[in-house]
Protein backbone atom coordinates (compact mmCIF):
# COMPACT_ATOMS: atom_id res chain seq x y z
CA UNK A 1 -13.61 -125.15 108.76
CA UNK A 2 -13.53 -121.97 110.57
CA UNK A 3 -12.04 -122.33 114.12
CA UNK A 4 -14.50 -121.92 116.76
CA UNK A 5 -14.05 -119.65 119.72
CA UNK A 6 -15.63 -119.04 123.00
CA UNK A 7 -15.71 -115.57 124.38
CA UNK A 8 -15.85 -114.61 128.05
CA UNK A 9 -16.91 -111.55 129.86
CA UNK A 10 -13.34 -110.47 130.72
CA UNK A 11 -12.47 -110.40 127.14
CA UNK A 12 -15.54 -108.13 126.30
CA UNK A 13 -14.63 -105.85 129.07
CA UNK A 14 -10.90 -105.54 128.12
CA UNK A 15 -10.90 -105.62 124.44
CA UNK A 16 -11.80 -102.69 122.10
CA UNK A 17 -14.87 -102.90 119.84
CA UNK A 18 -12.53 -103.13 116.81
CA UNK A 19 -10.84 -106.32 118.29
CA UNK A 20 -14.18 -107.86 119.35
CA UNK A 21 -15.46 -107.35 115.83
CA UNK A 22 -12.44 -108.50 114.10
CA UNK A 23 -12.59 -111.65 116.12
CA UNK A 24 -16.18 -112.35 115.51
CA UNK A 25 -15.41 -112.05 111.81
CA UNK A 26 -12.19 -114.35 111.79
CA UNK A 27 -13.64 -117.12 113.93
CA UNK A 28 -16.95 -118.97 114.65
CA UNK A 29 -17.88 -117.02 117.83
CA UNK A 30 -19.73 -118.74 120.77
CA UNK A 31 -21.52 -116.86 123.12
CA UNK A 32 -22.52 -119.04 126.07
CA UNK A 33 -25.65 -118.15 128.18
CA UNK A 34 -23.75 -117.33 131.31
CA UNK A 35 -22.09 -114.57 129.38
CA UNK A 36 -25.59 -113.13 128.54
CA UNK A 37 -26.53 -113.46 132.34
CA UNK A 38 -23.37 -111.92 133.50
CA UNK A 39 -24.01 -108.94 131.05
CA UNK A 40 -27.81 -108.71 132.02
CA UNK A 41 -27.31 -108.81 135.75
CA UNK A 42 -24.47 -106.64 136.23
CA UNK A 43 -24.77 -103.47 138.35
CA UNK A 44 -23.01 -101.45 136.23
CA UNK A 45 -25.44 -100.28 133.40
CA UNK A 46 -22.55 -98.36 131.21
CA UNK A 47 -20.36 -101.56 131.43
CA UNK A 48 -23.28 -103.62 130.23
CA UNK A 49 -24.24 -101.13 127.23
CA UNK A 50 -20.55 -101.15 126.27
CA UNK A 51 -20.24 -104.70 126.20
CA UNK A 52 -23.22 -105.55 124.09
CA UNK A 53 -22.34 -102.62 121.64
CA UNK A 54 -18.94 -104.35 120.81
CA UNK A 55 -20.86 -107.17 118.84
CA UNK A 56 -21.63 -106.47 115.28
CA UNK A 57 -25.29 -105.35 114.72
CA UNK A 58 -25.92 -107.70 111.98
CA UNK A 59 -27.72 -110.92 112.85
CA UNK A 60 -25.49 -114.09 112.73
CA UNK A 61 -22.44 -112.89 114.05
CA UNK A 62 -22.16 -115.50 116.83
CA UNK A 63 -23.88 -118.85 117.80
CA UNK A 64 -25.54 -118.94 121.10
CA UNK A 65 -24.65 -121.96 123.38
CA UNK A 66 -27.10 -123.02 126.08
CA UNK A 67 -25.59 -123.17 129.76
CA UNK A 68 -24.23 -126.16 131.14
CA UNK A 69 -27.33 -127.62 132.79
CA UNK A 70 -29.13 -127.77 129.27
CA UNK A 71 -26.13 -129.35 127.75
CA UNK A 72 -25.79 -132.10 130.55
CA UNK A 73 -29.76 -132.78 130.10
CA UNK A 74 -29.47 -133.16 126.29
CA UNK A 75 -26.37 -135.41 126.59
CA UNK A 76 -28.41 -137.53 129.14
CA UNK A 77 -31.43 -137.63 127.11
CA UNK A 78 -29.60 -138.71 123.86
CA UNK A 79 -27.06 -140.92 125.45
CA UNK A 80 -24.65 -139.34 122.99
CA UNK A 81 -21.38 -137.22 123.44
CA UNK A 82 -21.82 -133.75 122.33
CA UNK A 83 -18.58 -133.86 120.63
CA UNK A 84 -16.98 -130.10 119.95
CA UNK A 85 -20.37 -128.80 120.94
CA UNK A 86 -21.69 -129.87 117.53
CA UNK A 87 -25.36 -129.19 117.24
CA UNK A 88 -25.50 -127.48 120.35
CA UNK A 89 -26.33 -123.97 119.21
CA UNK A 90 -29.69 -122.63 119.93
CA UNK A 91 -31.57 -122.56 116.48
CA UNK A 92 -31.82 -119.31 114.91
CA UNK A 93 -30.11 -116.53 113.65
CA UNK A 94 -29.20 -114.22 116.72
CA UNK A 95 -28.48 -110.54 117.41
CA UNK A 96 -28.41 -108.60 120.58
CA UNK A 97 -31.51 -106.37 120.99
CA UNK A 98 -30.60 -102.77 119.78
CA UNK A 99 -31.64 -101.25 123.17
CA UNK A 100 -28.85 -103.43 124.99
CA UNK A 101 -26.47 -101.67 122.71
CA UNK A 102 -27.55 -98.17 123.26
CA UNK A 103 -28.51 -98.36 126.82
CA UNK A 104 -32.43 -98.02 126.31
CA UNK A 105 -33.53 -101.63 126.91
CA UNK A 106 -36.51 -102.22 129.11
CA UNK A 107 -37.00 -105.86 130.12
CA UNK A 108 -40.58 -107.00 129.68
CA UNK A 109 -42.18 -109.11 132.44
CA UNK A 110 -41.37 -112.45 130.83
CA UNK A 111 -37.76 -111.59 130.54
CA UNK A 112 -37.57 -110.48 134.33
CA UNK A 113 -39.40 -113.58 135.14
CA UNK A 114 -36.76 -115.64 133.15
CA UNK A 115 -33.88 -113.76 134.97
CA UNK A 116 -35.26 -114.62 138.21
CA UNK A 117 -35.40 -118.34 137.41
CA UNK A 118 -32.02 -118.22 136.11
CA UNK A 119 -30.63 -116.30 139.18
CA UNK A 120 -32.27 -119.23 141.40
CA UNK A 121 -30.40 -121.77 139.21
CA UNK A 122 -27.24 -119.95 139.56
CA UNK A 123 -27.70 -119.71 143.34
CA UNK A 124 -28.30 -123.63 143.51
CA UNK A 125 -25.23 -124.30 141.13
CA UNK A 126 -23.14 -122.02 143.25
CA UNK A 127 -24.04 -123.85 146.54
CA UNK A 128 -23.20 -127.33 144.99
CA UNK A 129 -19.83 -125.91 143.67
CA UNK A 130 -19.18 -124.52 147.22
CA UNK A 131 -19.89 -128.01 148.74
CA UNK A 132 -17.67 -129.68 146.17
CA UNK A 133 -14.69 -127.24 147.09
CA UNK A 134 -15.09 -127.98 150.70
CA UNK A 135 -14.98 -131.53 150.37
CA UNK A 136 -12.76 -131.98 147.34
CA UNK A 137 -9.74 -133.35 149.22
CA UNK A 138 -11.77 -136.55 149.74
CA UNK A 139 -11.04 -137.42 146.22
CA UNK A 140 -7.37 -136.49 146.59
CA UNK A 141 -6.13 -138.24 149.93
CA UNK A 142 -2.62 -136.96 148.92
CA UNK A 143 -3.67 -133.45 149.87
CA UNK A 144 -4.22 -134.70 153.70
CA UNK A 145 -1.52 -135.22 156.24
CA UNK A 146 1.05 -133.08 154.74
CA UNK A 147 3.13 -130.06 155.64
CA UNK A 148 1.54 -126.61 154.71
CA UNK A 149 4.80 -125.81 152.70
CA UNK A 150 3.94 -128.68 150.69
CA UNK A 151 0.54 -127.88 150.20
CA UNK A 152 0.64 -125.42 147.06
CA UNK A 153 2.56 -127.97 145.24
CA UNK A 154 -0.01 -130.87 145.95
CA UNK A 155 -2.70 -128.78 144.86
CA UNK A 156 -0.93 -128.00 141.51
CA UNK A 157 -0.10 -131.72 141.06
CA UNK A 158 -3.73 -132.75 141.89
CA UNK A 159 -4.92 -130.06 139.36
CA UNK A 160 -2.44 -131.34 136.60
CA UNK A 161 -3.72 -134.96 137.36
CA UNK A 162 -7.49 -133.88 136.51
CA UNK A 163 -6.27 -132.43 133.58
CA UNK A 164 -4.36 -135.31 132.28
CA UNK A 165 -5.53 -138.56 133.84
CA UNK A 166 -8.89 -139.76 132.39
CA UNK A 167 -8.63 -142.78 134.70
CA UNK A 168 -8.51 -140.68 137.97
CA UNK A 169 -11.30 -138.51 136.77
CA UNK A 170 -13.45 -141.42 135.92
CA UNK A 171 -12.71 -142.88 139.32
CA UNK A 172 -14.04 -139.70 141.07
CA UNK A 173 -16.95 -139.83 138.55
CA UNK A 174 -17.92 -143.51 139.66
CA UNK A 175 -17.73 -142.15 143.27
CA UNK A 176 -20.06 -139.24 142.57
CA UNK A 177 -22.22 -141.86 140.69
CA UNK A 178 -23.04 -143.79 143.79
CA UNK A 179 -24.48 -140.51 145.34
CA UNK A 180 -26.51 -139.48 142.25
CA UNK A 181 -27.31 -142.35 139.98
CA UNK A 182 -30.55 -140.76 138.63
CA UNK A 183 -29.10 -137.70 136.92
CA UNK A 184 -25.64 -139.13 135.74
CA UNK A 185 -24.70 -141.42 132.89
CA UNK A 186 -23.27 -144.68 133.62
CA UNK A 187 -19.46 -144.94 133.75
CA UNK A 188 -19.77 -147.60 130.73
CA UNK A 189 -20.36 -144.76 128.19
CA UNK A 190 -18.98 -141.70 129.67
CA UNK A 191 -15.51 -140.62 128.59
CA UNK A 192 -13.21 -137.60 127.66
CA UNK A 193 -15.20 -136.40 124.57
CA UNK A 194 -18.48 -136.08 126.73
CA UNK A 195 -19.50 -132.80 128.16
CA UNK A 196 -20.34 -134.71 131.40
CA UNK A 197 -16.83 -135.58 131.74
CA UNK A 198 -15.42 -132.11 130.85
CA UNK A 199 -17.94 -130.43 133.22
CA UNK A 200 -16.48 -132.73 136.09
CA UNK A 201 -12.95 -131.73 135.16
CA UNK A 202 -13.59 -128.20 134.92
CA UNK A 203 -15.57 -128.48 138.44
CA UNK A 204 -12.69 -130.35 140.00
CA UNK A 205 -10.10 -127.80 138.67
CA UNK A 206 -11.91 -124.68 139.89
CA UNK A 207 -12.78 -126.45 143.35
CA UNK A 208 -9.02 -127.35 143.84
CA UNK A 209 -8.20 -123.85 143.28
CA UNK A 210 -10.58 -122.57 145.88
CA UNK A 211 -9.60 -125.21 148.46
CA UNK A 212 -6.05 -124.34 148.02
CA UNK A 213 -6.62 -120.49 148.16
CA UNK A 214 -8.30 -121.17 151.57
CA UNK A 215 -5.67 -123.68 152.66
CA UNK A 216 -8.00 -126.37 153.09
CA UNK A 217 -10.70 -124.47 155.11
CA UNK A 218 -13.37 -122.71 153.44
CA UNK A 219 -15.61 -120.73 155.44
CA UNK A 220 -18.68 -119.53 153.56
CA UNK A 221 -18.94 -115.59 153.79
CA UNK A 222 -20.61 -113.39 151.31
CA UNK A 223 -17.58 -112.56 149.74
CA UNK A 224 -16.37 -116.20 149.30
CA UNK A 225 -19.76 -117.04 148.01
CA UNK A 226 -19.79 -114.30 145.48
CA UNK A 227 -16.33 -115.44 144.36
CA UNK A 228 -17.62 -118.95 144.06
CA UNK A 229 -20.52 -117.77 141.55
CA UNK A 230 -17.69 -116.07 139.36
CA UNK A 231 -15.95 -119.25 139.49
CA UNK A 232 -19.15 -121.14 138.33
CA UNK A 233 -19.31 -118.90 135.40
CA UNK A 234 -15.77 -119.07 134.66
CA UNK A 235 -15.75 -122.99 134.63
CA UNK A 236 -18.60 -122.96 131.79
CA UNK A 237 -16.22 -120.70 129.78
CA UNK A 238 -13.37 -123.10 130.27
CA UNK A 239 -15.74 -125.89 129.48
CA UNK A 240 -17.01 -124.44 126.13
CA UNK A 241 -13.49 -123.32 125.28
CA UNK A 242 -11.62 -126.32 125.84
CA UNK A 243 -14.27 -128.37 123.95
CA UNK A 244 -13.87 -126.41 120.70
CA UNK A 245 -10.23 -125.49 121.18
CA UNK A 246 -10.37 -121.83 121.34
CA UNK A 247 -11.21 -118.92 123.86
CA UNK A 248 -11.02 -115.41 124.09
CA UNK A 249 -10.41 -114.24 127.90
CA UNK A 250 -8.47 -111.63 129.84
CA UNK A 251 -8.79 -113.77 133.04
CA UNK A 252 -5.74 -115.55 134.20
CA UNK A 253 -7.49 -118.14 135.88
CA UNK A 254 -9.83 -118.94 132.92
CA UNK A 255 -6.49 -119.02 130.75
CA UNK A 256 -4.67 -121.17 133.08
CA UNK A 257 -7.53 -123.93 133.31
CA UNK A 258 -8.08 -123.63 129.65
CA UNK A 259 -4.47 -124.35 128.97
CA UNK A 260 -4.28 -127.24 131.46
CA UNK A 261 -6.88 -129.00 129.31
CA UNK A 262 -6.15 -127.70 125.82
CA UNK A 263 -2.18 -127.03 125.80
CA UNK A 264 -2.12 -126.25 122.04
CA UNK A 265 -5.52 -124.44 121.74
CA UNK A 266 -5.90 -120.79 120.82
CA UNK A 267 -6.06 -118.09 123.34
CA UNK A 268 -6.98 -114.85 122.13
CA UNK A 269 -6.38 -111.72 124.68
CA UNK A 270 -7.33 -107.76 124.70
CA UNK A 271 -4.60 -105.89 122.85
CA UNK A 272 -4.14 -108.73 120.17
CA UNK A 273 -1.71 -110.97 122.17
CA UNK A 274 -2.63 -114.27 121.00
CA UNK A 275 -1.20 -117.87 120.33
CA UNK A 276 -2.82 -119.47 117.49
CA UNK A 277 -3.66 -123.31 116.97
CA UNK A 278 -6.79 -124.68 115.12
CA UNK A 279 -6.30 -127.87 116.79
CA UNK A 280 -9.32 -128.77 119.37
CA UNK A 281 -7.98 -130.14 122.11
CA UNK A 282 -9.61 -133.32 123.67
CA UNK A 283 -7.82 -135.56 126.25
């Protein structure tokens, strides 16, 4: 079976067309909807055109994976884990519009409406992530009452715990469930092979990083909100990549979180620096 591989925006920006097409040919490439959203909403049209043009023009070069909200709803309704993202791809044989590849694309009214709705969803998700980041220490009492010199090490230890301790993650899941029992699955059925579980892991890893960067006090400015939005997209790349055991990225933090969750997984970077393993790493 061909190794699946999630592709993020930083890889597209940093890799050559030749490398992108080689990766797509060698692996089962996954394009998640947040990548499409990031490319469609970039304020740099030339960068958008170059990124889309790096994909092969032929249909079927990649599988299109829905955003995390759709995946979570799917899991919630089915009451079954979406292991390895099996059966998650949007039906059909996909290719990017030729206009996106040559810079002549003009979105129609429906596309603009969809992008606006998507943007509103991203705004809401970003706010949820910021709130999680501001209060993440409540799940890690070991972060409170320590000397500042010990704070970075405590953050690193907490992140390692999130990556390696299913019991601790499920304890936090249970705490969150008491606040939102209507849209979360019961603890009796959720486990490490569920997207619901992995989403919480990725959320906690990103929130702990932001909490640590701001030394435990996050004042939400426009810049902080923008970085939080990028972090939200990045955690979806990490989620998809870690569920299938492979990711193509040029982002240090994305790689760091992926390796925490999937130590023996496949990481491909621009310029063909890569480590290889076909093992899909689930806790």
